Structure formats: C-alpha cells, structure tokens
Amino acid sequence: MRRRGFAPIAIGLALTLIHLISIPVTNTSVNPARSTAVAIFQGGWALQQLWLFWVMPIVGGILGGVLYRTLLEKTRLTLFKARVSGLFLSGDSFTRPGDLGSVMGRYSHHARAASFMFSGLFIILLPLVVGYLLPLRHSSALKLINRMLSWIVYVILFFMGISLAFLDNLASNLLAILHYAAVSVVIILLCNIAALLWLESKMPWRSQHRQEKLPSRLAMALESLQLCGVVVLGFLLGLTRLPFLQHATEASEYTLIFLLFLVGIQLRNNGMSLRQIVLNRRGMIVAVVVTASSLLGGILNAFILGLPLKTGLAMASGFGWYSLSGILLTESFGPVIGSAAFFNDLCRELLAIMLIPGLIRRSRSTALGLCGATSMDFTLPVLQRSGGVEIVPAAIVHGFLLSLLVPILIAFFTA
C-alpha cells in the first residue's frame, strides 16, 4: 500500500524535474517529452545556470508529497490555477481527458502544487543563509545596510498596497463576507492576544534590544500610521491599473529576497550562530500558543456566527496566509466562506503591521504572534525594524511552523 501510494509522487517529481530543467533551455513548456528532446538537441545543460530552477522545487516537491499527499488532490486545480496560472505541467496535452495523458498530468499537478508550497520556504531561507555566510568587517558598510533595511520596509509595503488593488472584485455577497470576516478577525485576534500576553507574563522575553527612552505614544501611533499610509498610497496608485503595476507582486518578492540577504549579513555581524537562527525555542513556543488560541477562537467564532464547528476551525487555521486559506476554503465551503477567510487573514497581516511598533516594546511575544505565518516573510521587515535583529530567528521559526500547519489543519477540518 505504501509503495502504491508513493508511485504518484515519484512520477510527478520525475515530470517536474524534466519540466523545470527544460524550460530555461528551450523557453517552451508544450510537454515534458518534447521539451526534453529539444533541450538535448540544443545542448547547454549548464548546471550552474539551471540548479535554481529545479533544486528548490524538487526538494519542496518531496516534502510536499510526503506531508500533504491527501491534500494535493483537492488543491491540484484550485491552488495551481489561481496561483500559477498559465504554467501547467503539460501531461494534459498528451491526450484527451480520461486517457493516460490526463493521469500523468494529474500526477504532475500534484508534484507542482507541492513544490509551489515549499519552494517559497527555500527561496526565503537561501538569501538569509548566503548573507550570513558573508563576513563584513567595515562599520560604514554595516551602517549603510541598517539604513537600507529601514527604507526597504517601506518599498515592500508600497508594492503590497499596489497588489491589493489588483484583487478580484468580490461585490457579490459582500455584506455576508464582511460580516463573517469582521467577526472572525476580532474573535481570533482577541484570543491570540490574551494567550500571548499570558505567555509573556509567565515567560518574559528578555531582549538586549533596549532603548534608553521609550518614544511617546503619539510617536508610536505615527510610526504605525506611516506604515499603513505607505500601503494606502500603493493601493491608490494600483487603482490606476497602469499595465506595469501588474508586476508589483513579483517586485515585492525580489525586494524581500534582497532584504533577507541583508538581514543575513546583519545576523552574522551581531554574533548569532546558525543554531540560534534555525532552532529557536521562543519561536516554537509562540507558534504553539498561536495555534491553540486561534483554534479556540475558531470554536467561539463558529458559535457566534452560527457556522458548523469544522467551518469555524478551518477559518481559524489560515494564520495570515490569505492566498492559500482563501483558495482552499472556497473549494470546500463556497465563495462566501472562502472570501471571508481571505479577508480575515489579510486583515491579520495589516493589523500586525499597524500594531507591531507599539506592541513590541511591551510584549515581544504578542507582536510576533499577531503576525502569524507571515512573520517569516512580509511582516518580517517590520518586526526586524521595530524589535531589532534578535527577533529575526524567532520570527522565521514561528512563521515556518505555522506555514507547515496551515494546509494540514485546513485539510483536516475540510475533510
């Protein structure tokens, strides 16, 4: 039984490997067999040029196939079409649906969906590790990096605002969606905050990142408003729908990779070991508390909104990963619940950006926990800017663990 269950993963990974190697060489994705033949004929299989195209997705595909085998069938169309539209593996083009080709295509969809989930993790960790491995001795260069990190935060948030303006129109059932989303985000975040404040009281997070004098509340509020204002400016610019703005999401991802590279350099020069970065006890504890309190909030949410218990728990399992939770819950519960989950998790990210500067001086655990799964990517720059470089390892471990749990919990509650 185990061998039979592994066969689709092996076939899918083989097709993924062929596909991802051949695309950079041939610039075509008609089907794996044809692309491979053209690649062999043309030559040019330079490993140093191609390894980024297949090492990370294949490792991600292996992890995804092992951990999320039951989820992949459900996500093969919803996740794949919504997030990677136009980049299908080509098994479906061999024959008509129902024949052998469509079966091969389904296996390749499985592997590609899994690799999509996990390749993002390696893309995040790689620049961080590369930056860490680069020693930098010049104090002037380190000061420049610190200044650049502050400005890059605003650049990423600006791109994020532009991306929000390109979301699909959700006018149908808008009142129901907003009602579900508003109640969900309030209940779940209140449960998170209560649990995280309790954690801070029992296990205070002592940090070396201290300021001689705390800024005024007005200064904290203005800092939060500045961050939100940058998002709003980006959103207003995005409403113009200028063609080149469609690339804002990709631009923010590349900017984030550069930021993580600089953060890696900063970590190295602050004397942190790789063990401290990868195995961070505080990050693990905060992730456990966030998971437990979110599920409690999901139970309360289901009771208040009159939803089935499993629906409430599924809505609470997104942890801020709005792009994935919205897609999976739309497939399982329909567009109203899916859209509500999307806005619930999106609001979590936006509220975290607003609240981090003020919260982090009182309760670092609460500031980190509110970020959810986004603490390893889009809210990481804000955490680093407000809490210092010491919070980065905990943020990465916390975000990584929650990102692993999102598809597992949603698959369990939607089964």
Protein backbone atom coordinates (compact mmCIF):
# COMPACT_ATOMS: atom_id res chain seq x y z
CA MET A 1 0.00 0.00 0.00
CA ARG A 2 2.80 2.35 0.87
CA ARG A 3 4.61 1.55 -2.40
CA ARG A 4 1.45 2.20 -4.42
CA GLY A 5 0.90 5.50 -2.62
CA PHE A 6 4.45 6.62 -3.39
CA ALA A 7 4.19 5.92 -7.13
CA PRO A 8 2.25 9.12 -7.98
CA ILE A 9 4.79 11.17 -6.05
CA ALA A 10 7.73 9.55 -7.86
CA ILE A 11 6.13 10.01 -11.29
CA GLY A 12 5.10 13.57 -10.53
CA LEU A 13 8.56 14.51 -9.28
CA ALA A 14 10.18 12.98 -12.38
CA LEU A 15 7.90 15.04 -14.65
CA THR A 16 8.54 18.14 -12.56
CA LEU A 17 12.30 17.65 -12.86
CA ILE A 18 12.15 17.24 -16.65
CA HIS A 19 9.86 20.23 -17.00
CA LEU A 20 11.80 22.62 -14.79
CA ILE A 21 15.15 21.75 -16.38
CA SER A 22 13.89 22.06 -19.93
CA ILE A 23 12.03 25.39 -19.66
CA PRO A 24 15.14 27.59 -19.12
CA VAL A 25 16.86 25.90 -22.08
CA THR A 26 14.02 25.71 -24.62
CA ASN A 27 11.74 28.50 -23.43
CA THR A 28 8.82 26.18 -24.11
CA SER A 29 6.52 24.05 -22.00
CA VAL A 30 4.49 22.20 -24.64
CA ASN A 31 5.07 18.89 -22.85
CA PRO A 32 7.94 17.34 -20.88
CA ALA A 33 8.93 14.84 -23.58
CA ARG A 34 9.16 17.42 -26.36
CA SER A 35 10.89 20.00 -24.17
CA THR A 36 13.47 17.45 -23.06
CA ALA A 37 14.16 16.34 -26.65
CA VAL A 38 14.71 19.94 -27.76
CA ALA A 39 16.93 20.61 -24.74
CA ILE A 40 19.12 17.60 -25.53
CA PHE A 41 19.32 18.59 -29.20
CA GLN A 42 20.26 22.20 -28.41
CA GLY A 43 22.64 21.36 -25.58
CA GLY A 44 23.52 23.95 -22.98
CA TRP A 45 22.75 21.98 -19.82
CA ALA A 46 24.88 24.22 -17.62
CA LEU A 47 24.25 23.15 -14.03
CA GLN A 48 25.28 26.48 -12.56
CA GLN A 49 22.61 28.20 -14.69
CA LEU A 50 19.82 25.71 -14.06
CA TRP A 51 20.13 24.47 -10.50
CA LEU A 52 17.96 27.23 -9.03
CA PHE A 53 15.16 26.17 -11.37
CA TRP A 54 14.97 22.62 -10.06
CA VAL A 55 16.80 22.03 -6.77
CA MET A 56 14.41 24.05 -4.59
CA PRO A 57 11.15 22.96 -6.26
CA ILE A 58 12.19 19.29 -6.28
CA VAL A 59 13.16 19.30 -2.60
CA GLY A 60 9.93 21.13 -1.93
CA GLY A 61 8.04 18.57 -4.00
CA ILE A 62 9.47 15.70 -1.95
CA LEU A 63 8.48 17.36 1.32
CA GLY A 64 5.08 18.27 -0.04
CA GLY A 65 4.43 14.79 -1.40
CA VAL A 66 5.28 13.15 1.91
CA LEU A 67 3.44 15.57 4.19
CA TYR A 68 0.47 16.67 2.11
CA ARG A 69 -0.39 13.67 -0.08
CA THR A 70 -4.08 13.75 0.86
CA LEU A 71 -4.31 17.49 0.28
CA LEU A 72 -2.80 17.57 -3.18
CA GLU A 73 -5.80 16.09 -4.97
CA LYS A 74 -8.01 18.84 -3.56
CA THR A 75 -5.58 21.61 -4.45
CA ARG A 76 -4.40 20.43 -7.86
CA LEU A 77 -6.79 22.78 -9.70
CA THR A 78 -7.73 25.45 -7.17
CA LEU A 79 -4.30 26.28 -5.79
CA PHE A 80 -2.47 25.64 -9.04
CA LYS A 81 -4.72 27.62 -11.38
CA ALA A 82 -5.16 30.54 -9.01
CA ARG A 83 -1.52 30.99 -8.06
CA VAL A 84 0.45 29.75 -11.06
CA SER A 85 -1.99 30.33 -13.91
CA GLY A 86 -0.54 29.56 -17.29
CA LEU A 87 2.34 27.42 -16.01
CA PHE A 88 0.69 23.99 -16.14
CA LEU A 89 2.81 20.91 -16.45
CA SER A 90 1.96 19.51 -19.80
CA GLY A 91 0.69 16.00 -19.16
CA ASP A 92 -2.86 17.01 -20.09
CA SER A 93 -1.75 17.87 -23.62
CA PHE A 94 -0.66 14.31 -24.45
CA THR A 95 -4.22 13.03 -24.98
CA ARG A 96 -7.84 13.84 -24.28
CA PRO A 97 -9.03 13.84 -20.63
CA GLY A 98 -9.65 10.33 -19.37
CA ASP A 99 -6.71 8.79 -21.22
CA LEU A 100 -3.24 8.02 -19.92
CA GLY A 101 -2.04 11.55 -20.59
CA SER A 102 -4.52 13.13 -18.20
CA VAL A 103 -3.45 10.69 -15.47
CA MET A 104 0.17 11.70 -15.98
CA GLY A 105 -0.95 15.30 -15.97
CA ARG A 106 -2.72 14.82 -12.65
CA TYR A 107 0.44 13.39 -11.08
CA SER A 108 2.45 16.31 -12.40
CA HIS A 109 -0.13 18.74 -10.98
CA HIS A 110 0.29 17.04 -7.60
CA ALA A 111 4.04 17.47 -7.59
CA ARG A 112 3.91 21.04 -8.90
CA ALA A 113 1.35 22.08 -6.27
CA ALA A 114 3.54 20.57 -3.55
CA SER A 115 6.70 22.16 -4.91
CA PHE A 116 4.90 25.52 -5.08
CA MET A 117 4.02 25.29 -1.38
CA PHE A 118 7.56 24.54 -0.29
CA SER A 119 9.85 26.19 -2.81
CA GLY A 120 8.90 29.55 -1.28
CA LEU A 121 10.40 28.39 2.01
CA PHE A 122 13.77 27.62 0.41
CA ILE A 123 13.71 30.87 -1.56
CA ILE A 124 13.29 32.70 1.76
CA LEU A 125 15.98 30.75 3.62
CA LEU A 126 18.60 30.77 0.85
CA PRO A 127 19.35 34.54 0.78
CA LEU A 128 19.32 34.60 4.58
CA VAL A 129 21.95 31.84 4.77
CA VAL A 130 24.03 33.32 1.92
CA GLY A 131 24.05 36.69 3.66
CA TYR A 132 25.02 35.02 6.94
CA LEU A 133 27.99 33.31 5.29
CA LEU A 134 29.43 36.63 4.07
CA PRO A 135 31.66 38.26 6.72
CA LEU A 136 31.63 42.05 6.67
CA ARG A 137 34.20 43.99 8.65
CA HIS A 138 33.63 47.59 7.58
CA SER A 139 31.49 49.54 10.06
CA SER A 140 30.50 52.04 7.37
CA ALA A 141 29.06 49.22 5.23
CA LEU A 142 27.09 47.88 8.22
CA LYS A 143 25.64 51.34 8.85
CA LEU A 144 24.61 51.54 5.20
CA ILE A 145 22.90 48.14 5.47
CA ASN A 146 20.97 49.29 8.55
CA ARG A 147 19.74 52.39 6.70
CA MET A 148 18.80 50.34 3.64
CA LEU A 149 16.78 47.90 5.76
CA SER A 150 14.66 50.76 7.10
CA TRP A 151 13.87 52.03 3.60
CA ILE A 152 13.23 48.60 2.11
CA VAL A 153 10.39 48.07 4.60
CA TYR A 154 8.51 50.97 3.02
CA VAL A 155 9.26 49.73 -0.50
CA ILE A 156 7.80 46.28 0.23
CA LEU A 157 4.68 47.73 1.86
CA PHE A 158 4.21 50.07 -1.11
CA PHE A 159 4.31 47.11 -3.51
CA MET A 160 1.91 45.26 -1.23
CA GLY A 161 -0.61 48.10 -1.48
CA ILE A 162 -0.39 48.03 -5.28
CA SER A 163 -1.03 44.27 -5.27
CA LEU A 164 -4.16 44.73 -3.14
CA ALA A 165 -5.65 46.98 -5.81
CA PHE A 166 -5.49 44.13 -8.33
CA LEU A 167 -7.60 41.68 -6.29
CA ASP A 168 -10.68 40.26 -8.00
CA ASN A 169 -13.98 42.06 -7.45
CA LEU A 170 -15.94 40.46 -4.63
CA ALA A 171 -19.13 42.54 -4.83
CA SER A 172 -21.47 39.53 -4.72
CA ASN A 173 -22.46 38.57 -1.14
CA LEU A 174 -20.23 41.40 0.07
CA LEU A 175 -22.19 42.10 3.27
CA ALA A 176 -22.10 38.47 4.39
CA ILE A 177 -18.41 38.25 3.57
CA LEU A 178 -17.57 41.41 5.53
CA HIS A 179 -19.71 40.27 8.48
CA TYR A 180 -18.01 36.88 8.71
CA ALA A 181 -14.55 38.41 8.19
CA ALA A 182 -15.01 41.19 10.77
CA VAL A 183 -16.29 38.86 13.49
CA SER A 184 -13.61 36.27 12.72
CA VAL A 185 -10.66 38.62 12.84
CA VAL A 186 -11.83 40.25 16.10
CA ILE A 187 -12.53 36.97 17.92
CA ILE A 188 -9.40 35.15 16.75
CA LEU A 189 -7.04 38.07 17.40
CA LEU A 190 -8.52 38.69 20.87
CA CYS A 191 -7.90 35.03 21.73
CA ASN A 192 -4.36 35.31 20.35
CA ILE A 193 -3.61 38.50 22.27
CA ALA A 194 -4.97 37.12 25.57
CA ALA A 195 -2.94 33.91 25.24
CA LEU A 196 0.24 35.69 24.17
CA LEU A 197 0.03 38.23 27.00
CA TRP A 198 -0.36 35.29 29.40
CA LEU A 199 2.73 33.70 27.84
CA GLU A 200 4.68 36.94 28.24
CA SER A 201 3.71 37.13 31.93
CA LYS A 202 4.77 33.53 32.58
CA MET A 203 7.86 33.52 30.35
CA PRO A 204 9.10 37.10 29.86
CA TRP A 205 11.04 37.60 26.64
CA ARG A 206 14.22 39.31 27.76
CA SER A 207 15.97 41.08 24.93
CA GLN A 208 19.18 43.01 24.54
CA HIS A 209 17.43 45.37 22.13
CA ARG A 210 16.60 48.17 24.57
CA GLN A 211 16.15 51.86 24.10
CA GLU A 212 17.25 54.38 26.67
CA LYS A 213 13.97 56.26 26.44
CA LEU A 214 10.69 54.97 25.09
CA PRO A 215 9.12 57.18 22.44
CA SER A 216 5.79 58.81 23.18
CA ARG A 217 2.51 57.10 22.33
CA LEU A 218 1.99 59.72 19.64
CA ALA A 219 5.33 58.74 18.07
CA MET A 220 4.33 55.05 18.18
CA ALA A 221 0.97 55.84 16.57
CA LEU A 222 2.62 57.96 13.88
CA GLU A 223 5.07 55.15 13.08
CA SER A 224 2.18 52.72 12.66
CA LEU A 225 0.24 55.23 10.56
CA GLN A 226 3.29 55.79 8.36
CA LEU A 227 3.47 52.07 7.61
CA CYS A 228 -0.24 51.90 6.84
CA GLY A 229 -0.06 55.12 4.85
CA VAL A 230 2.54 53.59 2.55
CA VAL A 231 0.18 50.64 1.93
CA VAL A 232 -2.68 53.08 1.19
CA LEU A 233 -0.52 55.08 -1.24
CA GLY A 234 0.39 51.90 -3.06
CA PHE A 235 -3.27 50.88 -3.17
CA LEU A 236 -4.32 54.25 -4.62
CA LEU A 237 -1.63 54.02 -7.27
CA GLY A 238 -2.75 50.47 -8.05
CA LEU A 239 -6.29 51.68 -8.70
CA THR A 240 -4.98 53.45 -11.81
CA ARG A 241 -4.45 49.95 -13.28
CA LEU A 242 -1.36 51.01 -15.21
CA PRO A 243 -0.09 47.91 -17.04
CA PHE A 244 3.39 47.84 -15.49
CA LEU A 245 1.87 47.80 -11.97
CA GLN A 246 0.74 44.22 -12.53
CA HIS A 247 4.30 43.19 -11.72
CA ALA A 248 4.15 44.65 -8.19
CA THR A 249 3.84 41.22 -6.56
CA GLU A 250 6.96 39.93 -8.31
CA ALA A 251 8.80 43.16 -7.47
CA SER A 252 7.92 42.81 -3.78
CA GLU A 253 9.18 39.21 -3.77
CA TYR A 254 12.54 40.19 -5.29
CA THR A 255 12.82 43.11 -2.87
CA LEU A 256 12.08 40.75 0.02
CA ILE A 257 14.83 38.36 -1.14
CA PHE A 258 17.31 41.26 -1.17
CA LEU A 259 16.14 42.34 2.28
CA LEU A 260 16.63 38.81 3.66
CA PHE A 261 20.14 38.78 2.21
CA LEU A 262 20.92 41.99 4.12
CA VAL A 263 19.30 40.59 7.28
CA GLY A 264 21.59 37.54 6.99
CA ILE A 265 24.63 39.83 6.90
CA GLN A 266 23.29 41.69 9.92
CA LEU A 267 22.74 38.45 11.87
CA ARG A 268 26.32 37.34 11.20
CA ASN A 269 27.75 40.60 12.44
CA ASN A 270 25.61 40.52 15.59
CA GLY A 271 27.29 37.28 16.67
CA MET A 272 24.33 34.90 16.24
CA SER A 273 25.03 31.25 15.42
CA LEU A 274 23.11 29.27 12.79
CA ARG A 275 21.78 27.08 15.60
CA GLN A 276 20.22 30.13 17.26
CA ILE A 277 18.60 31.08 13.97
CA VAL A 278 17.24 27.67 12.90
CA LEU A 279 16.32 26.14 16.29
CA ASN A 280 14.72 28.95 18.22
CA ARG A 281 12.80 27.87 21.31
CA ARG A 282 10.84 31.11 21.68
CA GLY A 283 9.63 30.94 18.10
CA MET A 284 8.38 27.38 18.65
CA ILE A 285 6.56 28.25 21.89
CA VAL A 286 4.84 31.29 20.36
CA ALA A 287 3.74 29.18 17.38
CA VAL A 288 2.15 26.58 19.70
CA VAL A 289 0.32 29.29 21.68
CA VAL A 290 -0.91 31.00 18.50
CA THR A 291 -2.19 27.69 17.10
CA ALA A 292 -4.06 26.71 20.28
CA SER A 293 -5.59 30.15 20.85
CA SER A 294 -6.59 30.50 17.18
CA LEU A 295 -8.44 27.18 17.25
CA LEU A 296 -10.20 28.29 20.44
CA GLY A 297 -11.16 31.48 18.61
CA GLY A 298 -12.44 29.35 15.73
CA ILE A 299 -14.76 27.48 18.10
CA LEU A 300 -16.13 30.75 19.52
CA ASN A 301 -16.39 32.15 16.02
CA ALA A 302 -18.49 29.20 14.84
CA PHE A 303 -20.81 29.59 17.83
CA ILE A 304 -21.29 33.36 17.35
CA LEU A 305 -21.82 33.20 13.58
CA GLY A 306 -23.93 30.04 13.66
CA LEU A 307 -21.48 28.11 11.49
CA PRO A 308 -20.59 24.41 11.71
CA LEU A 309 -17.73 23.78 14.11
CA LYS A 310 -15.41 22.45 11.39
CA THR A 311 -16.04 25.58 9.30
CA GLY A 312 -15.10 27.86 12.19
CA LEU A 313 -11.96 25.84 12.90
CA ALA A 314 -10.96 25.86 9.23
CA MET A 315 -11.39 29.65 9.05
CA ALA A 316 -9.12 29.99 12.10
CA SER A 317 -6.38 27.83 10.56
CA GLY A 318 -5.11 30.32 7.98
CA PHE A 319 -2.77 32.15 10.40
CA GLY A 320 -2.48 35.08 7.98
CA TRP A 321 -1.70 33.01 4.84
CA TYR A 322 -4.63 34.56 2.99
CA SER A 323 -3.67 33.41 -0.51
CA LEU A 324 -3.80 29.74 0.49
CA SER A 325 -6.64 29.75 3.04
CA GLY A 326 -8.97 31.68 0.73
CA ILE A 327 -8.41 29.25 -2.14
CA LEU A 328 -8.80 26.05 -0.10
CA LEU A 329 -11.89 27.22 1.80
CA THR A 330 -13.55 28.46 -1.39
CA GLU A 331 -13.14 24.96 -2.81
CA SER A 332 -14.58 23.32 0.32
CA PHE A 333 -17.24 25.74 1.62
CA GLY A 334 -18.00 28.06 -1.28
CA PRO A 335 -17.05 31.63 -2.23
CA VAL A 336 -18.62 33.37 0.79
CA ILE A 337 -16.65 31.43 3.41
CA GLY A 338 -13.55 31.40 1.21
CA SER A 339 -13.65 35.17 0.71
CA ALA A 340 -14.31 35.72 4.42
CA ALA A 341 -11.26 33.60 5.27
CA PHE A 342 -9.23 35.59 2.75
CA PHE A 343 -10.17 38.95 4.31
CA ASN A 344 -9.78 37.56 7.83
CA ASP A 345 -6.17 36.59 7.14
CA LEU A 346 -5.45 39.73 5.10
CA CYS A 347 -6.71 41.92 7.96
CA ARG A 348 -4.47 39.99 10.33
CA GLU A 349 -1.43 40.98 8.29
CA LEU A 350 -2.48 44.62 8.00
CA LEU A 351 -3.32 44.91 11.72
CA ALA A 352 0.01 43.31 12.62
CA ILE A 353 1.82 45.94 10.55
CA MET A 354 -0.08 48.66 12.42
CA LEU A 355 0.34 47.24 15.93
CA ILE A 356 3.91 45.90 15.87
CA PRO A 357 5.71 49.21 16.62
CA GLY A 358 3.63 49.83 19.75
CA LEU A 359 3.28 46.23 20.95
CA ILE A 360 6.86 45.13 20.59
CA ARG A 361 8.06 47.36 23.42
CA ARG A 362 5.53 45.85 25.85
CA SER A 363 5.19 42.25 24.69
CA ARG A 364 7.50 40.88 22.03
CA SER A 365 5.65 37.55 22.07
CA THR A 366 2.36 39.29 21.26
CA ALA A 367 3.89 41.35 18.46
CA LEU A 368 5.38 38.22 16.92
CA GLY A 369 2.30 36.04 17.39
CA LEU A 370 -0.06 38.51 15.72
CA CYS A 371 1.96 38.19 12.50
CA GLY A 372 1.06 34.52 12.18
CA ALA A 373 2.60 32.69 9.23
CA THR A 374 3.69 36.00 7.68
CA SER A 375 6.40 36.53 10.31
CA MET A 376 8.87 34.73 8.04
CA ASP A 377 8.20 36.92 5.01
CA PHE A 378 6.10 40.07 4.65
CA THR A 379 5.89 41.19 8.28
CA LEU A 380 9.50 40.16 8.99
CA PRO A 381 10.91 43.55 7.86
CA VAL A 382 8.57 45.40 10.23
CA LEU A 383 9.48 43.06 13.11
CA GLN A 384 13.18 43.49 12.40
CA ARG A 385 12.86 47.27 12.17
CA SER A 386 10.91 47.57 15.42
CA GLY A 387 12.41 44.77 17.52
CA GLY A 388 15.98 44.55 16.30
CA VAL A 389 17.84 41.76 14.58
CA GLU A 390 17.48 39.47 17.63
CA ILE A 391 13.80 38.88 16.88
CA VAL A 392 14.51 37.57 13.36
CA PRO A 393 15.37 33.92 14.28
CA ALA A 394 12.22 33.55 16.38
CA ALA A 395 10.15 35.15 13.62
CA ILE A 396 11.48 32.74 10.98
CA VAL A 397 10.91 29.62 13.10
CA HIS A 398 7.46 30.85 14.17
CA GLY A 399 6.39 31.62 10.61
CA PHE A 400 7.84 28.37 9.27
CA LEU A 401 5.96 26.19 11.76
CA LEU A 402 2.65 27.97 11.17
CA SER A 403 3.14 27.75 7.40
CA LEU A 404 3.56 23.99 7.76
CA LEU A 405 0.39 23.73 9.84
CA VAL A 406 -1.90 25.78 7.59
CA PRO A 407 -2.50 23.19 4.85
CA ILE A 408 -2.52 20.28 7.33
CA LEU A 409 -5.19 21.83 9.58
CA ILE A 410 -7.32 23.10 6.70
CA ALA A 411 -7.21 19.68 5.03
CA PHE A 412 -8.23 18.04 8.33
CA PHE A 413 -11.14 20.40 9.03
CA THR A 414 -12.44 20.34 5.44
CA ALA A 415 -12.24 16.55 5.04
